[in-house]
Amino acid sequence: MDGFDTVLGGGFLRGYHYLIRGTPGAGKTVLGWHFLVADGGGDALYVTFEECPEKIRRNAASLGIDLDSVTILDMSPEARSFAEGASYDVFAPSAVEYESLTDRVRAQVEASPKRVLLDPVTQLRYLAPDEYQFRRELLSLMGLLTEQRATVLFTSQASPETPDSDLQFMGDGIVELSRPNGGRVLDVPKFRGGSVATGPHAVTLDQGGMTVYPRVVPDHDGRPFVRTLASSGVPALDDLLHGGIELGTTTLFSGPTGIGKTTVGALFLVEAAGQGDHSVLYHLEEKPATFVERCAAIGTPVTELLESEALEVVGVTPSLLTVGEFLAQVQSNVTDETTFVMIDGVSGFEKLTNLSVEREELSALRSYLTARGITVVLTDEMPNITGDFRPTKSGETAIADNIVFMRYLEFNGELHRAIGVLKKRASDFEHRLRQFEITDEGVVIGDPITGLSGVLTGDPQWVGVGSDREEVL
């Protein structure tokens, strides 16, 4: 698993022992299966204390993992013992003492396996007569495997009722798997002899097995900032921003539903793509086909840009995707030629499964992209059509270098659109609001709004003497 090897800084260290712990269903055994077959499986030994080999191979095959070349030592309870009327005392502690674990495994270990999976060792705790016997047997086995220079994974079904603190001391490393918020995550709190990537890291299980998505780490040593302006292709909008937005910065477009956040924000991507640069737009709340149709309706040429792949439009279904998968997708899409990445609907991050730190992940992604010189465009939908002014709903003001806000304003029963700039880190900006429209000829930015107060509340009032509404709106 490339992603997991990245987390571990290259992989497990040969001859070391690692505890894989977590709740049932978190993916401990599947991770072990991947480990066993990483080198073809010919020098791998699987000691199972719970399931029979036939069932194990069948379950692994359903995830695309072939264990046929792996030697499986069956230490599980035999189902036929019950079928033949045998009593439960076949699992009595005396039986475990009579045929010790070390004796059963020794013949297999003499073949010098390079990889060993013990799954789950906590099953021995129930079979051993006491804690001392459990630890003695396990330490004896670990010592034997150490002599053979085998790399060992041993799994533990950790729970408050059955703590595994003693096993944590035995391992040279610990991999923890859990299932917060309906997803799966992985962390490595202990790893002797190396350094690991800080988690949590998203994990998925599907027909291709387990995939680990290393957490995006902000790059604080990226390209030096050189103030270069990117145009929207609409001169009046560029004037609002005193020339455009700086390359390598993050710009947030906020406003209520239907006001034109996506349309206005995408102008910068379309303009850059038209100049031969690469732009990628991710829709978290709209289908790409709808976006293309809307662009055609307002005369924005995107079809040729899409065909040439200068502009990519990617649809994302947040309820079917984890944060880790989405971030990995963004990383794989960007190239050295990418200048713009737009995430349309950052509130969709709240619907992405697996992690409860969406804002941290968004901030890390923004830092990763801007450190590569990529300009980031975000949109955030405000819940109120009019009323009290708030720049964002989701709290992205801290990560945004520039904030462009849009408001509906109502006057004499008619709705109008207004646009303005609230923040621009790298330069000054126009401090007046402008009316704007979205027509069949594109986005039209009007003159600055004068003669009105209270525009940000959505309820503007005339000011001054002899003001003429027709000249203002």
Protein backbone atom coordinates (compact mmCIF):
# COMPACT_ATOMS: atom_id res chain seq x y z
CA MET A 1 0.00 0.00 0.00
CA ASP A 2 1.83 3.07 -1.25
CA GLY A 3 -0.16 5.47 0.91
CA PHE A 4 0.56 3.48 4.07
CA ASP A 5 4.26 3.22 3.20
CA THR A 6 4.29 7.00 2.85
CA VAL A 7 2.81 7.32 6.34
CA LEU A 8 5.51 4.99 7.71
CA GLY A 9 8.33 6.78 5.92
CA GLY A 10 8.98 3.81 3.64
CA GLY A 11 7.40 0.84 5.42
CA PHE A 12 7.85 -1.47 8.39
CA LEU A 13 11.40 -2.14 9.58
CA ARG A 14 12.60 -5.69 9.10
CA GLY A 15 12.81 -7.77 12.25
CA TYR A 16 10.54 -5.43 14.25
CA HIS A 17 7.19 -6.29 15.85
CA TYR A 18 4.12 -4.09 15.38
CA LEU A 19 0.82 -4.04 17.21
CA ILE A 20 -2.22 -3.39 15.01
CA ARG A 21 -5.03 -2.40 17.35
CA GLY A 22 -8.58 -1.18 16.93
CA THR A 23 -12.25 -1.94 17.27
CA PRO A 24 -13.96 -4.75 15.30
CA GLY A 25 -14.46 -3.85 11.65
CA ALA A 26 -11.81 -1.12 11.60
CA GLY A 27 -9.60 -3.02 9.13
CA LYS A 28 -6.88 -4.62 11.27
CA THR A 29 -6.95 -7.99 9.56
CA VAL A 30 -7.17 -6.49 6.06
CA LEU A 31 -4.07 -4.41 6.74
CA GLY A 32 -2.35 -7.63 7.83
CA TRP A 33 -3.38 -9.39 4.61
CA HIS A 34 -1.82 -6.63 2.50
CA PHE A 35 1.36 -6.95 4.56
CA LEU A 36 1.56 -10.72 3.99
CA VAL A 37 1.30 -10.54 0.19
CA ALA A 38 3.46 -7.43 -0.32
CA ASP A 39 6.41 -9.56 -1.53
CA GLY A 40 4.34 -12.22 -3.22
CA GLY A 41 3.47 -14.08 -0.04
CA GLY A 42 5.94 -16.96 -0.50
CA ASP A 43 7.82 -16.26 2.74
CA ALA A 44 4.77 -15.28 4.78
CA LEU A 45 3.16 -17.06 7.74
CA TYR A 46 -0.35 -16.33 8.97
CA VAL A 47 -1.24 -17.65 12.43
CA THR A 48 -4.99 -17.39 12.92
CA PHE A 49 -6.62 -17.79 16.32
CA GLU A 50 -10.16 -17.03 15.25
CA GLU A 51 -11.20 -18.05 11.71
CA CYS A 52 -10.52 -21.12 9.62
CA PRO A 53 -8.17 -20.83 6.60
CA GLU A 54 -10.94 -21.45 4.06
CA LYS A 55 -13.01 -18.56 5.34
CA ILE A 56 -9.96 -16.29 5.55
CA ARG A 57 -8.95 -16.96 1.95
CA ARG A 58 -12.53 -16.44 0.76
CA ASN A 59 -12.89 -13.13 2.59
CA ALA A 60 -9.52 -11.90 1.37
CA ALA A 61 -10.37 -12.81 -2.23
CA SER A 62 -13.54 -10.69 -2.01
CA LEU A 63 -11.24 -7.71 -1.49
CA GLY A 64 -8.91 -8.66 -4.31
CA ILE A 65 -6.22 -10.14 -2.03
CA ASP A 66 -4.86 -13.58 -2.97
CA LEU A 67 -3.57 -15.52 0.04
CA ASP A 68 -2.97 -18.83 -1.80
CA SER A 69 0.80 -18.46 -1.51
CA VAL A 70 0.64 -17.64 2.22
CA THR A 71 1.14 -20.43 4.77
CA ILE A 72 -1.75 -20.36 7.23
CA LEU A 73 -1.40 -22.07 10.61
CA ASP A 74 -4.88 -22.75 11.95
CA MET A 75 -5.10 -22.18 15.72
CA SER A 76 -8.81 -21.43 15.60
CA PRO A 77 -11.55 -23.50 17.29
CA GLU A 78 -12.55 -26.30 14.95
CA ALA A 79 -16.20 -26.21 13.96
CA ARG A 80 -16.29 -29.99 13.56
CA SER A 81 -15.67 -30.42 17.29
CA PHE A 82 -19.16 -29.12 17.89
CA ALA A 83 -20.67 -31.07 15.04
CA GLU A 84 -19.34 -34.34 16.49
CA GLY A 85 -20.79 -33.60 19.87
CA ALA A 86 -17.56 -32.58 21.57
CA SER A 87 -17.93 -30.53 24.72
CA TYR A 88 -16.68 -27.00 25.25
CA ASP A 89 -13.83 -28.26 27.43
CA VAL A 90 -11.76 -28.83 24.27
CA PHE A 91 -10.94 -25.15 24.71
CA ALA A 92 -10.03 -25.43 28.37
CA PRO A 93 -6.82 -23.76 29.56
CA SER A 94 -5.25 -27.18 30.15
CA ALA A 95 -5.43 -27.87 26.42
CA VAL A 96 -3.57 -24.69 25.70
CA GLU A 97 -0.87 -25.67 28.21
CA TYR A 98 -0.68 -29.21 26.83
CA GLU A 99 0.06 -28.08 23.32
CA SER A 100 1.75 -24.73 23.73
CA LEU A 101 1.68 -22.07 21.11
CA THR A 102 5.45 -22.17 20.71
CA ASP A 103 5.41 -25.90 19.95
CA ARG A 104 2.68 -25.52 17.35
CA VAL A 105 4.40 -22.66 15.58
CA ARG A 106 8.03 -23.84 15.82
CA ALA A 107 7.89 -26.10 12.79
CA GLN A 108 6.61 -23.25 10.64
CA VAL A 109 9.07 -20.72 12.03
CA GLU A 110 12.00 -22.99 11.21
CA ALA A 111 11.22 -22.22 7.57
CA SER A 112 12.36 -18.65 8.37
CA PRO A 113 9.31 -16.64 7.23
CA LYS A 114 10.07 -13.02 6.50
CA ARG A 115 6.57 -11.80 7.36
CA VAL A 116 4.31 -13.09 10.13
CA LEU A 117 0.76 -12.10 11.07
CA LEU A 118 -0.73 -13.18 14.43
CA ASP A 119 -4.46 -12.49 14.32
CA PRO A 120 -5.76 -11.75 16.90
CA VAL A 121 -3.40 -12.39 19.81
CA THR A 122 -6.10 -11.17 22.22
CA GLN A 123 -7.88 -14.49 21.59
CA LEU A 124 -5.07 -16.15 23.57
CA ARG A 125 -6.00 -14.07 26.58
CA TYR A 126 -9.30 -15.93 26.82
CA LEU A 127 -7.64 -19.34 26.44
CA ALA A 128 -4.70 -18.90 28.79
CA PRO A 129 -5.24 -19.87 32.45
CA ASP A 130 -4.04 -16.48 33.66
CA GLU A 131 -2.38 -13.22 32.57
CA TYR A 132 1.06 -14.55 33.43
CA GLN A 133 0.66 -17.56 31.17
CA PHE A 134 -0.65 -15.33 28.37
CA ARG A 135 2.33 -13.01 28.52
CA ARG A 136 4.80 -15.89 28.88
CA GLU A 137 3.49 -17.67 25.79
CA LEU A 138 3.41 -14.50 23.72
CA LEU A 139 6.88 -13.34 24.77
CA SER A 140 8.23 -16.81 24.03
CA LEU A 141 6.77 -16.66 20.53
CA MET A 142 8.08 -13.12 19.93
CA GLY A 143 11.54 -14.20 21.04
CA LEU A 144 11.47 -17.10 18.61
CA LEU A 145 10.44 -14.86 15.75
CA THR A 146 13.10 -12.31 16.66
CA GLU A 147 15.74 -15.00 16.28
CA GLN A 148 14.49 -15.58 12.76
CA ARG A 149 14.60 -11.86 11.91
CA ALA A 150 10.94 -12.00 10.97
CA THR A 151 8.83 -8.84 10.73
CA VAL A 152 5.70 -9.42 12.79
CA LEU A 153 2.26 -7.85 12.91
CA PHE A 154 0.01 -8.90 15.78
CA THR A 155 -3.55 -7.64 16.07
CA SER A 156 -5.54 -6.68 19.13
CA GLN A 157 -9.26 -6.11 19.50
CA ALA A 158 -8.93 -3.25 21.96
CA SER A 159 -11.87 -2.24 24.13
CA PRO A 160 -12.45 -0.75 27.60
CA GLU A 161 -13.44 -4.23 28.80
CA THR A 162 -10.26 -5.85 27.46
CA PRO A 163 -7.41 -3.32 27.59
CA ASP A 164 -4.22 -4.15 25.72
CA SER A 165 -1.69 -1.91 27.45
CA ASP A 166 0.61 -4.91 27.98
CA LEU A 167 0.64 -5.59 24.24
CA GLN A 168 1.49 -1.95 23.52
CA PHE A 169 4.69 -2.34 25.53
CA MET A 170 5.66 -5.44 23.53
CA GLY A 171 5.45 -3.76 20.14
CA ASP A 172 8.20 -1.75 18.48
CA GLY A 173 5.41 0.19 16.84
CA ILE A 174 1.66 0.68 17.12
CA VAL A 175 -0.85 1.22 14.32
CA GLU A 176 -4.30 2.28 15.51
CA LEU A 177 -7.41 1.92 13.36
CA SER A 178 -10.75 3.46 14.32
CA ARG A 179 -14.12 4.37 12.82
CA PRO A 180 -15.12 7.95 13.75
CA ASN A 181 -18.17 9.51 12.10
CA GLY A 182 -18.91 6.40 10.08
CA GLY A 183 -15.55 6.35 8.30
CA ARG A 184 -12.16 4.81 8.95
CA VAL A 185 -8.92 6.45 10.04
CA LEU A 186 -5.42 5.26 10.86
CA ASP A 187 -2.75 6.66 13.15
CA VAL A 188 0.75 5.57 14.18
CA PRO A 189 1.43 6.78 17.74
CA LYS A 190 4.58 4.67 18.19
CA PHE A 191 7.29 3.71 15.71
CA ARG A 192 10.78 2.86 16.94
CA GLY A 193 13.69 3.38 14.59
CA GLY A 194 11.99 5.84 12.24
CA SER A 195 9.70 8.80 11.81
CA VAL A 196 6.09 8.69 10.65
CA ALA A 197 3.62 11.17 9.21
CA THR A 198 1.33 12.76 11.75
CA GLY A 199 -2.26 11.52 11.50
CA PRO A 200 -5.06 10.81 11.48
CA HIS A 201 -5.00 9.43 7.95
CA ALA A 202 -8.16 8.48 6.07
CA VAL A 203 -8.70 4.82 5.17
CA THR A 204 -11.14 3.14 2.79
CA LEU A 205 -12.03 -0.51 2.22
CA ASP A 206 -13.50 -1.68 -1.08
CA GLN A 207 -13.15 -4.46 -3.64
CA GLY A 208 -9.55 -3.40 -4.17
CA GLY A 209 -8.71 -3.86 -0.50
CA MET A 210 -7.46 -1.13 1.84
CA THR A 211 -6.29 2.29 0.70
CA VAL A 212 -4.59 4.76 3.04
CA TYR A 213 -4.66 8.47 2.22
CA PRO A 214 -1.81 10.29 3.99
CA ARG A 215 -2.96 13.47 5.64
CA VAL A 216 -2.12 16.59 3.66
CA VAL A 217 0.63 18.49 5.44
CA PRO A 218 0.91 22.26 4.87
CA ASP A 219 4.12 23.24 3.11
CA HIS A 220 5.51 26.36 4.74
CA ASP A 221 8.64 26.39 2.58
CA GLY A 222 6.99 26.78 -0.80
CA ARG A 223 7.72 29.17 -3.62
CA PRO A 224 8.56 32.76 -2.68
CA PHE A 225 5.64 35.12 -3.17
CA VAL A 226 5.99 37.40 -6.18
CA ARG A 227 3.09 39.76 -6.72
CA THR A 228 1.63 38.87 -10.10
CA LEU A 229 -1.99 39.70 -10.87
CA ALA A 230 -4.47 37.37 -12.57
CA SER A 231 -7.34 38.94 -14.48
CA SER A 232 -10.97 37.84 -14.48
CA GLY A 233 -11.46 38.99 -18.05
CA VAL A 234 -14.03 41.53 -16.80
CA PRO A 235 -12.29 44.94 -16.47
CA ALA A 236 -14.78 46.36 -13.97
CA LEU A 237 -14.32 43.33 -11.66
CA ASP A 238 -10.55 43.70 -11.92
CA ASP A 239 -10.97 47.37 -10.99
CA LEU A 240 -12.77 46.37 -7.80
CA LEU A 241 -9.70 44.30 -6.92
CA HIS A 242 -7.21 46.94 -8.09
CA GLY A 243 -6.04 44.88 -11.04
CA GLY A 244 -7.19 41.35 -10.18
CA ILE A 245 -6.17 38.72 -7.64
CA GLU A 246 -2.58 37.80 -6.86
CA LEU A 247 -1.31 34.43 -8.08
CA GLY A 248 -0.64 32.01 -5.24
CA THR A 249 -3.31 33.48 -2.96
CA THR A 250 -6.72 32.25 -1.78
CA THR A 251 -9.87 34.14 -2.72
CA LEU A 252 -13.27 33.46 -1.14
CA PHE A 253 -16.50 34.42 -2.89
CA SER A 254 -19.40 34.47 -0.43
CA GLY A 255 -23.08 35.18 -0.85
CA PRO A 256 -26.58 33.67 -0.76
CA THR A 257 -27.86 30.99 -3.08
CA GLY A 258 -28.24 31.86 -6.76
CA ILE A 259 -26.43 35.18 -6.62
CA GLY A 260 -23.55 34.13 -8.89
CA LYS A 261 -20.65 33.05 -6.68
CA THR A 262 -19.65 30.17 -8.94
CA THR A 263 -20.14 32.16 -12.12
CA VAL A 264 -18.01 35.09 -10.95
CA GLY A 265 -15.33 32.95 -9.30
CA ALA A 266 -14.97 30.73 -12.36
CA LEU A 267 -14.19 33.77 -14.52
CA PHE A 268 -10.61 33.68 -13.24
CA LEU A 269 -10.22 29.97 -14.11
CA VAL A 270 -11.67 30.44 -17.59
CA GLU A 271 -9.42 33.43 -18.26
CA ALA A 272 -6.32 31.53 -17.08
CA ALA A 273 -7.24 28.45 -19.12
CA GLY A 274 -7.76 30.65 -22.16
CA GLN A 275 -4.19 31.90 -21.73
CA GLY A 276 -2.89 28.32 -21.87
CA ASP A 277 -2.67 27.60 -18.15
CA HIS A 278 -4.29 24.63 -16.42
CA SER A 279 -7.30 25.16 -14.14
CA VAL A 280 -9.35 22.64 -12.13
CA LEU A 281 -12.83 23.28 -10.72
CA TYR A 282 -14.37 20.92 -8.13
CA HIS A 283 -18.13 21.04 -7.71
CA LEU A 284 -19.24 19.82 -4.29
CA GLU A 285 -22.82 21.01 -4.67
CA GLU A 286 -23.54 21.10 -8.41
CA LYS A 287 -23.24 18.74 -11.35
CA PRO A 288 -20.52 19.66 -13.88
CA ALA A 289 -23.04 19.45 -16.73
CA THR A 290 -25.16 22.13 -15.09
CA PHE A 291 -22.15 24.41 -14.83
CA VAL A 292 -21.30 23.93 -18.52
CA GLU A 293 -24.89 24.73 -19.53
CA ARG A 294 -24.92 27.88 -17.43
CA CYS A 295 -21.66 29.03 -18.95
CA ALA A 296 -23.08 28.53 -22.44
CA ALA A 297 -26.17 30.53 -21.47
CA ILE A 298 -24.11 33.59 -20.53
CA GLY A 299 -21.66 33.40 -23.38
CA THR A 300 -18.69 32.08 -21.37
CA PRO A 301 -16.67 29.78 -23.68
CA VAL A 302 -15.75 26.61 -21.79
CA THR A 303 -16.44 23.76 -24.25
CA GLU A 304 -13.19 24.16 -26.16
CA LEU A 305 -11.26 24.62 -22.93
CA LEU A 306 -12.72 21.38 -21.59
CA GLU A 307 -11.89 19.53 -24.78
CA SER A 308 -8.29 20.73 -24.64
CA GLU A 309 -8.16 19.88 -20.90
CA ALA A 310 -6.91 23.38 -20.14
CA LEU A 311 -9.99 23.49 -17.88
CA GLU A 312 -11.12 20.46 -15.87
CA VAL A 313 -14.50 20.37 -14.15
CA VAL A 314 -14.83 17.58 -11.57
CA GLY A 315 -18.03 16.59 -9.84
CA VAL A 316 -17.76 15.45 -6.21
CA THR A 317 -20.48 13.71 -4.20
CA PRO A 318 -19.56 14.52 -0.59
CA SER A 319 -21.77 11.84 0.97
CA LEU A 320 -19.89 9.14 -0.98
CA LEU A 321 -16.38 10.44 -0.44
CA THR A 322 -14.05 10.83 2.52
CA VAL A 323 -11.99 13.92 3.17
CA GLY A 324 -8.85 11.88 2.54
CA GLU A 325 -10.10 10.64 -0.83
CA PHE A 326 -11.02 14.14 -1.93
CA LEU A 327 -7.69 15.64 -0.90
CA ALA A 328 -5.84 12.82 -2.65
CA GLN A 329 -7.90 13.45 -5.79
CA VAL A 330 -6.96 17.13 -5.74
CA GLN A 331 -3.29 16.29 -5.30
CA SER A 332 -3.37 13.88 -8.23
CA ASN A 333 -5.13 16.37 -10.53
CA VAL A 334 -2.75 19.28 -10.10
CA THR A 335 0.35 19.47 -12.26
CA ASP A 336 3.27 21.83 -12.66
CA GLU A 337 1.14 23.71 -15.21
CA THR A 338 -1.84 24.16 -12.85
CA THR A 339 -2.37 27.80 -11.87
CA PHE A 340 -5.94 27.74 -10.48
CA VAL A 341 -7.93 25.34 -8.31
CA MET A 342 -11.50 26.20 -7.39
CA ILE A 343 -13.56 24.39 -4.74
CA ASP A 344 -17.17 25.30 -5.33
CA GLY A 345 -19.11 24.87 -2.11
CA VAL A 346 -16.73 24.60 0.85
CA SER A 347 -19.72 23.88 3.09
CA GLY A 348 -19.73 20.52 1.28
CA PHE A 349 -16.70 19.65 3.40
CA GLU A 350 -19.12 19.20 6.28
CA LYS A 351 -20.71 16.34 4.33
CA LEU A 352 -17.46 14.58 3.54
CA THR A 353 -17.16 11.53 5.80
CA ASN A 354 -14.35 10.21 7.98
CA LEU A 355 -12.85 13.21 9.75
CA SER A 356 -14.24 15.76 12.18
CA VAL A 357 -11.58 18.36 11.40
CA GLU A 358 -12.81 19.55 8.01
CA ARG A 359 -11.58 23.11 8.57
CA GLU A 360 -8.07 21.87 9.42
CA GLU A 361 -8.02 19.73 6.29
CA LEU A 362 -9.23 22.62 4.13
CA SER A 363 -6.56 24.87 5.60
CA ALA A 364 -3.89 22.24 4.97
CA LEU A 365 -5.05 21.78 1.37
CA ARG A 366 -5.02 25.52 0.79
CA SER A 367 -1.47 25.76 2.17
CA TYR A 368 -0.34 22.80 0.06
CA LEU A 369 -1.69 24.36 -3.13
CA THR A 370 -0.54 27.93 -2.58
CA ALA A 371 2.95 26.72 -1.63
CA ARG A 372 3.09 25.28 -5.18
CA GLY A 373 2.15 28.69 -6.58
CA ILE A 374 -1.44 27.62 -7.30
CA THR A 375 -4.18 30.20 -6.86
CA VAL A 376 -7.15 28.90 -4.85
CA VAL A 377 -10.74 30.04 -5.32
CA LEU A 378 -13.43 29.07 -2.80
CA THR A 379 -17.17 29.71 -2.64
CA ASP A 380 -19.25 29.76 0.53
CA GLU A 381 -23.03 29.99 0.56
CA MET A 382 -24.68 32.29 3.09
CA PRO A 383 -28.06 31.18 4.48
CA ASN A 384 -29.82 34.56 4.43
CA ILE A 385 -31.00 36.25 1.24
CA THR A 386 -30.95 39.63 2.98
CA GLY A 387 -30.53 40.78 6.57
CA ASP A 388 -27.57 41.06 8.90
CA PHE A 389 -24.28 40.98 7.03
CA ARG A 390 -21.86 38.12 7.59
CA PRO A 391 -18.85 37.61 5.32
CA THR A 392 -18.88 33.80 5.56
CA LYS A 393 -20.97 31.05 7.09
CA SER A 394 -18.29 28.43 7.57
CA GLY A 395 -15.51 30.50 9.12
CA GLU A 396 -12.99 30.59 6.26
CA THR A 397 -12.02 34.24 6.77
CA ALA A 398 -8.72 33.24 8.40
CA ILE A 399 -7.49 31.19 5.44
CA ALA A 400 -8.70 33.60 2.76
CA ASP A 401 -6.29 36.25 1.51
CA ASN A 402 -9.09 37.95 -0.40
CA ILE A 403 -12.84 38.05 0.28
CA VAL A 404 -15.34 39.11 -2.37
CA PHE A 405 -18.90 39.27 -1.06
CA MET A 406 -22.19 39.46 -2.92
CA ARG A 407 -25.52 40.64 -1.57
CA TYR A 408 -29.11 40.85 -2.66
CA LEU A 409 -30.74 44.16 -1.96
CA GLU A 410 -34.45 44.83 -2.19
CA PHE A 411 -35.85 48.17 -3.29
CA ASN A 412 -39.52 48.82 -4.01
CA GLY A 413 -40.19 45.11 -4.40
CA GLU A 414 -37.31 44.43 -6.81
CA LEU A 415 -34.21 42.32 -6.08
CA HIS A 416 -30.85 43.66 -7.19
CA ARG A 417 -27.33 42.25 -6.88
CA ALA A 418 -24.42 44.07 -5.27
CA ILE A 419 -20.74 43.05 -5.15
CA GLY A 420 -17.87 44.36 -3.08
CA VAL A 421 -14.47 43.49 -1.65
CA LEU A 422 -14.08 43.04 2.11
CA LYS A 423 -10.44 41.99 2.34
CA LYS A 424 -7.30 41.90 0.20
CA ARG A 425 -4.01 41.13 1.88
CA ALA A 426 -1.53 41.98 -0.85
CA SER A 427 -2.93 45.36 -1.94
CA ASP A 428 -5.64 47.93 -1.49
CA PHE A 429 -9.03 47.53 -3.19
CA GLU A 430 -12.06 49.58 -4.12
CA HIS A 431 -14.08 50.32 -0.99
CA ARG A 432 -17.37 50.96 -2.74
CA LEU A 433 -20.09 48.51 -3.70
CA ARG A 434 -21.12 47.98 -7.29
CA GLN A 435 -24.30 46.62 -8.77
CA PHE A 436 -23.83 43.64 -11.08
CA GLU A 437 -25.89 41.49 -13.39
CA ILE A 438 -25.52 38.12 -15.07
CA THR A 439 -26.78 38.44 -18.63
CA ASP A 440 -26.67 36.39 -21.81
CA GLU A 441 -23.52 38.33 -22.63
CA GLY A 442 -21.78 37.45 -19.38
CA VAL A 443 -21.15 39.15 -16.04
CA VAL A 444 -21.71 42.90 -16.16
CA ILE A 445 -20.31 44.99 -13.31
CA GLY A 446 -21.93 48.40 -13.02
CA ASP A 447 -20.80 51.71 -11.63
CA PRO A 448 -20.31 52.20 -7.87
CA ILE A 449 -23.58 52.43 -5.93
CA THR A 450 -24.12 55.95 -4.59
CA GLY A 451 -27.00 57.70 -2.86
CA LEU A 452 -27.96 54.66 -0.78
CA SER A 453 -27.12 53.51 2.74
CA GLY A 454 -27.85 50.20 4.43
CA VAL A 455 -27.04 48.16 1.32
CA LEU A 456 -25.34 45.44 3.37
CA THR A 457 -28.53 44.94 5.41
CA GLY A 458 -30.47 44.25 2.24
CA ASP A 459 -32.79 47.18 2.99
CA PRO A 460 -31.19 50.24 1.37
CA GLN A 461 -32.41 53.74 2.12
CA TRP A 462 -32.05 56.93 0.09
CA VAL A 463 -29.62 59.49 1.42
CA GLY A 464 -29.01 63.06 0.31
CA VAL A 465 -31.33 65.52 -1.34
CA GLY A 466 -32.80 65.02 -4.77
CA SER A 467 -31.43 61.52 -5.23
CA ASP A 468 -32.74 59.81 -8.33
CA ARG A 469 -33.37 56.08 -7.97
CA GLU A 470 -33.15 55.47 -11.70
CA GLU A 471 -29.62 56.82 -11.75
CA VAL A 472 -28.56 54.60 -8.86
CA LEU A 473 -30.12 51.22 -9.65
